[in-house]
Amino acid sequence: MTTAQTLQYPQPNERPRRRRRRTTFIVSAVVIVLTLIIGIIAADRIVDYTTEQRIADRLADYGDAEVSVEGFPILTQLASRELNSVHVTADEANYEGVDFTDVNAKLYDVPTGGSKPIGTVEGTAVLPHSTLDELAAEHANLPEGMSFTTVDGELYLKGSMLGQDLLVGIDPNADGRRVVVDATTIKLGSAEFSLDRLPGFLTSEISDIVIDLDFLPAGLELTDITATEAGLQVSLHGSGVSLQ
């Protein structure tokens, strides 16, 4: 009986051998899975880089842009022919002959092909003083010899009168696709006057200055305007935006 019972059970050294085989199989499977994951991630990052370069090349006509495609994985986004989010920045840019600086834009639902417009655009950019002067000369009737400048964080029209420096304090406001500039004060030399205290015939040329921004891509509108030392920072929002 004792001999028969002994033959029914594995020999003492068989269990460790099976455990070693099972452990080896598990380790090999984990290594294979990790290798596949690393390969997929590497491939996705390569595609991400080439996609960013492709977008930057498409924007080259407007300026030297830095492009970052956000979201992971990008392979599934490309398969759907739409990128979730693209971040675009540029120190300088030119669109329709108009110069901008400090461009910072987020583009959502960006099509990867065809003529379908971008879903949503949120961004900011600075219109330098020189650009404001050019736009005002084209779209508004500024008094001759006056130009835009920023003093202590406030936007002014600068000129001269009677041999003294003339500063016209202005309040810029966003109005759809227009910048509406309302004059508020006049500084002549050391004297300062509120605009509403002066006769209308003296202030008519600097009242209700409107700068039209219809050159912007269709679908974009101004949401806010802030004076900076470099010019006017404009905040933009739009849906169904096309750069064509």
Protein backbone atom coordinates (compact mmCIF):
# COMPACT_ATOMS: atom_id res chain seq x y z
CA MET A 1 0.00 0.00 0.00
CA THR A 2 2.73 2.37 0.88
CA THR A 3 4.50 1.84 -2.44
CA ALA A 4 1.31 2.37 -4.49
CA GLN A 5 0.45 5.56 -2.69
CA THR A 6 3.90 6.91 -3.24
CA LEU A 7 3.63 6.37 -6.99
CA GLN A 8 0.39 8.39 -7.18
CA TYR A 9 2.08 11.70 -6.21
CA PRO A 10 4.69 13.81 -8.09
CA GLN A 11 8.26 13.40 -7.13
CA PRO A 12 9.41 16.10 -4.67
CA ASN A 13 11.48 18.02 -7.30
CA GLU A 14 8.72 18.29 -9.96
CA ARG A 15 6.73 21.17 -8.39
CA PRO A 16 9.62 23.68 -8.30
CA ARG A 17 10.36 22.80 -11.93
CA ARG A 18 6.79 23.59 -12.99
CA ARG A 19 6.81 26.82 -11.01
CA ARG A 20 10.00 27.87 -12.75
CA ARG A 21 8.43 27.21 -16.14
CA ARG A 22 5.31 29.18 -15.21
CA THR A 23 7.38 32.10 -13.88
CA THR A 24 9.52 32.12 -17.03
CA PHE A 25 6.38 32.20 -19.20
CA ILE A 26 4.88 35.10 -17.22
CA VAL A 27 8.12 37.10 -17.37
CA SER A 28 8.41 36.51 -21.12
CA ALA A 29 4.79 37.60 -21.66
CA VAL A 30 5.33 40.77 -19.61
CA VAL A 31 8.49 41.59 -21.59
CA ILE A 32 6.64 41.10 -24.89
CA VAL A 33 3.72 43.29 -23.78
CA LEU A 34 6.05 46.02 -22.51
CA THR A 35 8.02 45.89 -25.76
CA LEU A 36 4.82 46.30 -27.77
CA ILE A 37 3.65 49.20 -25.59
CA ILE A 38 7.02 50.95 -25.89
CA GLY A 39 6.98 50.39 -29.64
CA ILE A 40 3.48 51.83 -29.97
CA ILE A 41 4.39 54.86 -27.85
CA ALA A 42 7.58 55.43 -29.86
CA ALA A 43 5.67 55.16 -33.12
CA ASP A 44 3.01 57.53 -31.81
CA ARG A 45 5.62 60.10 -30.77
CA ILE A 46 7.31 59.87 -34.18
CA VAL A 47 3.98 60.43 -35.92
CA ASP A 48 3.25 63.27 -33.47
CA TYR A 49 6.52 65.00 -34.38
CA THR A 50 6.01 64.60 -38.14
CA THR A 51 2.43 65.88 -37.82
CA GLU A 52 3.61 68.96 -35.94
CA GLN A 53 6.25 69.61 -38.61
CA ARG A 54 3.63 69.20 -41.34
CA ILE A 55 1.33 71.75 -39.68
CA ALA A 56 4.23 74.17 -39.13
CA ASP A 57 5.11 73.86 -42.82
CA ARG A 58 1.51 74.66 -43.79
CA LEU A 59 1.68 77.79 -41.60
CA ALA A 60 5.08 78.88 -42.96
CA ASP A 61 3.48 81.49 -45.23
CA TYR A 62 2.24 83.30 -42.12
CA GLY A 63 5.39 83.04 -40.01
CA ASP A 64 7.79 80.75 -38.16
CA ALA A 65 5.39 78.91 -35.85
CA GLU A 66 5.94 76.47 -33.00
CA VAL A 67 3.30 73.73 -33.14
CA SER A 68 2.32 71.24 -30.44
CA VAL A 69 -0.30 68.57 -31.10
CA GLU A 70 -1.93 67.71 -27.79
CA GLY A 71 -3.62 64.52 -26.70
CA PHE A 72 -2.56 60.87 -26.76
CA PRO A 73 -2.50 58.78 -28.81
CA ILE A 74 -2.25 60.79 -32.00
CA LEU A 75 -2.61 57.68 -34.16
CA THR A 76 -6.29 57.34 -33.28
CA GLN A 77 -6.80 61.07 -33.91
CA LEU A 78 -5.29 60.75 -37.37
CA ALA A 79 -7.48 57.73 -38.02
CA SER A 80 -10.52 59.90 -37.28
CA ARG A 81 -9.09 62.62 -39.58
CA GLU A 82 -9.37 65.23 -36.82
CA LEU A 83 -6.88 66.42 -34.18
CA ASN A 84 -8.34 67.15 -30.76
CA SER A 85 -6.17 70.16 -29.92
CA VAL A 86 -3.26 72.02 -31.54
CA HIS A 87 -1.27 74.75 -29.77
CA VAL A 88 0.37 77.31 -32.06
CA THR A 89 2.73 80.09 -30.99
CA ALA A 90 4.80 82.57 -33.01
CA ASP A 91 6.94 85.54 -32.05
CA GLU A 92 5.99 87.24 -35.31
CA ALA A 93 3.35 86.53 -37.94
CA ASN A 94 1.84 88.16 -40.98
CA TYR A 95 -1.68 87.53 -42.21
CA GLU A 96 -3.11 89.27 -45.27
CA GLY A 97 -0.24 91.75 -45.14
CA VAL A 98 -0.88 92.67 -41.49
CA ASP A 99 1.88 92.16 -38.91
CA PHE A 100 1.26 90.55 -35.52
CA THR A 101 3.55 89.63 -32.62
CA ASP A 102 3.27 87.24 -29.66
CA VAL A 103 0.71 84.98 -31.30
CA ASN A 104 -0.67 82.30 -28.96
CA ALA A 105 -3.57 80.19 -30.24
CA LYS A 106 -5.37 76.98 -29.31
CA LEU A 107 -7.13 75.18 -32.16
CA TYR A 108 -9.70 72.51 -31.38
CA ASP A 109 -11.14 69.83 -33.68
CA VAL A 110 -8.58 70.47 -36.42
CA PRO A 111 -9.26 68.54 -39.67
CA THR A 112 -6.25 66.72 -41.12
CA GLY A 113 -7.36 67.01 -44.72
CA GLY A 114 -9.81 68.61 -47.11
CA SER A 115 -11.32 72.05 -46.77
CA LYS A 116 -13.29 71.47 -43.57
CA PRO A 117 -12.89 74.45 -41.19
CA ILE A 118 -11.33 74.31 -37.74
CA GLY A 119 -13.92 73.62 -35.05
CA THR A 120 -12.94 76.28 -32.49
CA VAL A 121 -10.13 78.82 -32.15
CA GLU A 122 -9.12 80.66 -28.97
CA GLY A 123 -6.11 82.95 -29.05
CA THR A 124 -4.33 86.19 -28.40
CA ALA A 125 -2.00 88.33 -30.51
CA VAL A 126 -0.46 91.77 -30.35
CA LEU A 127 -1.06 94.44 -32.97
CA PRO A 128 2.13 96.54 -32.77
CA HIS A 129 1.85 100.33 -32.80
CA SER A 130 3.16 100.38 -36.38
CA THR A 131 0.41 97.99 -37.44
CA LEU A 132 -2.21 100.13 -35.70
CA ASP A 133 -0.90 103.19 -37.55
CA GLU A 134 -1.18 101.38 -40.88
CA LEU A 135 -4.67 100.04 -40.16
CA ALA A 136 -5.87 103.42 -38.94
CA ALA A 137 -4.50 105.12 -42.03
CA GLU A 138 -6.38 102.62 -44.18
CA HIS A 139 -9.63 102.26 -42.26
CA ALA A 140 -9.97 105.43 -40.18
CA ASN A 141 -9.46 109.17 -40.52
CA LEU A 142 -6.70 109.96 -38.06
CA PRO A 143 -5.45 113.52 -37.86
CA GLU A 144 -2.33 113.92 -39.96
CA GLY A 145 0.91 113.33 -38.10
CA MET A 146 -0.63 111.37 -35.23
CA SER A 147 0.43 107.84 -34.31
CA PHE A 148 -0.32 105.28 -31.63
CA THR A 149 1.84 104.85 -28.54
CA THR A 150 1.58 103.39 -25.02
CA VAL A 151 2.40 105.43 -21.93
CA ASP A 152 2.23 103.87 -18.47
CA GLY A 153 0.05 101.03 -19.73
CA GLU A 154 -2.45 103.35 -21.45
CA LEU A 155 -2.94 103.75 -25.19
CA TYR A 156 -2.56 107.22 -26.69
CA LEU A 157 -2.51 109.00 -29.99
CA LYS A 158 0.66 111.06 -30.12
CA GLY A 159 1.25 114.20 -32.14
CA SER A 160 2.20 117.84 -31.71
CA MET A 161 0.34 121.13 -31.59
CA LEU A 162 1.63 124.66 -31.19
CA GLY A 163 5.13 123.28 -30.73
CA GLN A 164 4.13 121.08 -27.80
CA ASP A 165 3.63 117.34 -27.45
CA LEU A 166 0.01 116.32 -27.83
CA LEU A 167 -1.29 113.09 -26.27
CA VAL A 168 -4.87 111.96 -26.79
CA GLY A 169 -5.91 109.32 -24.27
CA ILE A 170 -8.04 106.66 -25.93
CA ASP A 171 -10.12 103.72 -24.76
CA PRO A 172 -10.09 100.81 -27.26
CA ASN A 173 -13.02 98.39 -27.27
CA ALA A 174 -13.75 95.13 -29.09
CA ASP A 175 -16.77 95.24 -31.37
CA GLY A 176 -17.10 92.05 -33.39
CA ARG A 177 -14.44 92.33 -36.07
CA ARG A 178 -13.69 95.98 -35.33
CA VAL A 179 -11.62 97.98 -32.86
CA VAL A 180 -13.60 101.01 -31.71
CA VAL A 181 -11.38 103.72 -30.26
CA ASP A 182 -12.99 106.35 -28.04
CA ALA A 183 -10.96 109.44 -27.15
CA THR A 184 -11.17 110.36 -23.46
CA THR A 185 -8.57 113.02 -22.61
CA ILE A 186 -6.18 115.44 -24.26
CA LYS A 187 -2.77 116.36 -22.89
CA LEU A 188 -1.05 119.38 -24.39
CA GLY A 189 2.30 119.92 -22.78
CA SER A 190 1.66 119.81 -19.04
CA ALA A 191 -2.04 120.63 -19.33
CA GLU A 192 -4.68 117.89 -19.44
CA PHE A 193 -8.32 118.27 -20.44
CA SER A 194 -11.29 115.95 -20.43
CA LEU A 195 -12.62 115.54 -23.94
CA ASP A 196 -16.20 116.33 -22.97
CA ARG A 197 -15.11 119.82 -21.84
CA LEU A 198 -13.87 120.78 -25.29
CA PRO A 199 -15.90 122.05 -28.26
CA GLY A 200 -17.00 119.36 -30.70
CA PHE A 201 -15.27 120.95 -33.71
CA LEU A 202 -11.93 120.47 -31.92
CA THR A 203 -12.48 116.81 -31.14
CA SER A 204 -14.48 115.55 -34.11
CA GLU A 205 -11.42 114.08 -35.86
CA ILE A 206 -10.41 111.98 -32.85
CA SER A 207 -13.85 110.78 -31.81
CA ASP A 208 -15.27 107.38 -32.73
CA ILE A 209 -12.22 106.03 -34.52
CA VAL A 210 -13.05 102.62 -35.98
CA ILE A 211 -10.39 100.18 -37.21
CA ASP A 212 -11.89 97.43 -39.35
CA LEU A 213 -10.35 93.96 -39.01
CA ASP A 214 -12.28 92.22 -41.77
CA PHE A 215 -9.03 90.72 -43.05
CA LEU A 216 -9.14 88.23 -40.15
CA PRO A 217 -10.08 84.62 -41.02
CA ALA A 218 -13.83 84.15 -41.39
CA GLY A 219 -15.42 83.10 -38.12
CA LEU A 220 -13.00 84.96 -35.83
CA GLU A 221 -14.15 87.86 -33.66
CA LEU A 222 -12.54 90.05 -31.01
CA THR A 223 -13.53 89.34 -27.42
CA ASP A 224 -11.18 91.67 -25.54
CA ILE A 225 -8.50 94.32 -26.07
CA THR A 226 -5.68 95.27 -23.71
CA ALA A 227 -3.04 97.97 -24.14
CA THR A 228 0.54 96.75 -23.80
CA GLU A 229 3.91 98.45 -24.18
CA ALA A 230 4.22 96.87 -27.63
CA GLY A 231 0.74 97.76 -28.87
CA LEU A 232 -2.74 96.30 -28.50
CA GLN A 233 -3.20 92.71 -27.37
CA VAL A 234 -6.37 91.33 -28.92
CA SER A 235 -8.18 88.23 -27.69
CA LEU A 236 -9.93 86.22 -30.39
CA HIS A 237 -12.59 83.51 -30.48
CA GLY A 238 -14.26 81.76 -33.35
CA SER A 239 -16.07 78.65 -34.54
CA GLY A 240 -15.87 77.15 -37.99
CA VAL A 241 -12.67 79.09 -38.75
CA SER A 242 -10.91 78.69 -42.09
CA LEU A 243 -7.46 80.04 -42.90
CA GLN A 244 -8.08 79.74 -46.64
